[in-house]
Protein backbone atom coordinates (compact mmCIF):
# COMPACT_ATOMS: atom_id res chain seq x y z
CA UNK A 1 -10.97 2.94 28.30
CA UNK A 2 -10.85 6.45 28.30
CA UNK A 3 -14.06 6.18 25.98
CA UNK A 4 -15.82 4.15 28.82
CA UNK A 5 -15.12 6.92 30.90
CA UNK A 6 -16.36 9.99 28.73
CA UNK A 7 -20.24 9.55 29.38
CA UNK A 8 -20.09 8.20 32.95
CA UNK A 9 -21.17 10.01 35.62
CA UNK A 10 -18.88 12.48 37.93
CA UNK A 11 -16.95 10.32 40.60
CA UNK A 12 -17.20 7.07 38.08
CA UNK A 13 -13.81 4.93 38.28
CA UNK A 14 -12.17 2.16 36.87
CA UNK A 15 -10.93 -0.75 38.25
CA UNK A 16 -6.93 -0.25 38.71
CA UNK A 17 -5.81 -3.29 37.13
CA UNK A 18 -7.86 -2.26 33.74
CA UNK A 19 -6.14 1.21 34.48
CA UNK A 20 -2.76 -0.12 34.50
CA UNK A 21 -3.28 -2.94 31.62
CA UNK A 22 -4.00 0.31 29.19
CA UNK A 23 -1.56 2.38 30.01
CA UNK A 24 0.33 3.65 26.66
CA UNK A 25 3.82 2.30 27.34
CA UNK A 26 6.41 3.46 24.47
CA UNK A 27 8.91 0.78 22.67
CA UNK A 28 11.30 0.88 26.01
CA UNK A 29 8.20 0.27 28.10
CA UNK A 30 7.77 3.68 29.99
CA UNK A 31 4.91 5.87 30.12
CA UNK A 32 5.29 9.84 30.73
CA UNK A 33 4.61 11.34 34.26
CA UNK A 34 3.84 14.46 35.08
CA UNK A 35 4.68 15.69 38.68
CA UNK A 36 2.47 18.71 39.75
CA UNK A 37 2.62 20.40 42.89
CA UNK A 38 -0.87 19.55 44.57
CA UNK A 39 -2.20 23.06 45.32
CA UNK A 40 -0.99 25.31 42.71
CA UNK A 41 -1.40 22.61 40.20
CA UNK A 42 2.11 24.27 38.91
CA UNK A 43 4.08 21.80 36.70
CA UNK A 44 7.22 20.63 38.51
CA UNK A 45 8.77 17.78 36.27
CA UNK A 46 8.38 15.69 33.26
CA UNK A 47 9.68 12.09 34.06
CA UNK A 48 9.38 8.62 33.25
CA UNK A 49 8.06 5.50 34.91
CA UNK A 50 7.89 2.18 33.83
CA UNK A 51 5.79 -0.31 35.17
CA UNK A 52 7.99 -1.46 38.36
CA UNK A 53 8.18 2.54 39.39
CA UNK A 54 4.18 2.42 38.68
CA UNK A 55 4.00 -0.29 41.15
CA UNK A 56 6.79 0.96 43.84
CA UNK A 57 4.88 4.18 44.09
CA UNK A 58 1.14 2.56 44.38
CA UNK A 59 2.66 0.37 47.04
CA UNK A 60 4.75 3.10 49.13
CA UNK A 61 2.98 6.06 48.29
CA UNK A 62 6.25 7.91 47.03
CA UNK A 63 6.99 8.53 43.45
CA UNK A 64 9.55 6.81 41.34
CA UNK A 65 10.61 7.29 38.33
CA UNK A 66 12.70 5.43 35.41
CA UNK A 67 16.18 7.45 34.88
CA UNK A 68 16.87 6.60 31.24
CA UNK A 69 20.06 8.05 31.62
CA UNK A 70 21.05 5.92 34.12
CA UNK A 71 18.68 2.67 33.41
CA UNK A 72 17.37 2.41 36.85
CA UNK A 73 14.63 3.27 39.30
CA UNK A 74 15.15 6.74 40.62
CA UNK A 75 13.10 8.44 43.68
CA UNK A 76 12.95 12.36 43.82
CA UNK A 77 15.18 13.32 46.10
CA UNK A 78 17.35 10.70 46.35
CA UNK A 79 21.35 11.46 45.83
CA UNK A 80 22.36 12.57 42.42
CA UNK A 81 25.62 12.45 40.15
CA UNK A 82 27.70 15.48 41.47
CA UNK A 83 29.28 17.75 38.70
CA UNK A 84 32.66 18.78 39.15
CA UNK A 85 32.53 22.22 37.36
CA UNK A 86 31.92 25.03 39.76
CA UNK A 87 28.38 27.29 39.67
CA UNK A 88 28.70 30.35 38.59
CA UNK A 89 27.19 32.59 41.89
CA UNK A 90 24.83 34.49 39.86
CA UNK A 91 22.82 31.43 38.84
CA UNK A 92 19.65 30.34 40.83
CA UNK A 93 19.22 27.07 41.28
CA UNK A 94 15.79 26.02 42.04
CA UNK A 95 14.90 22.93 44.48
CA UNK A 96 11.83 22.03 44.80
């Protein structure tokens, strides 16, 4: 699939169904996804997506990922488990 695009003119595209059918899912049915800041291209995180997460992302326009630790779909910004240990006041936690 990708080799077909290598020689194609700029702006060429493939049908979405073909792209989805050729994603390199691993043995757990997951594919790595890199989230980037759109304007600076800064890498924000590496996440995992299942086919269901990809389908939901495409349907809603909001990123949905697969949580390997919780074995469920999660959406960026959803609540996470609260850590009961206190956080040192000198540690800065970035929230993007």
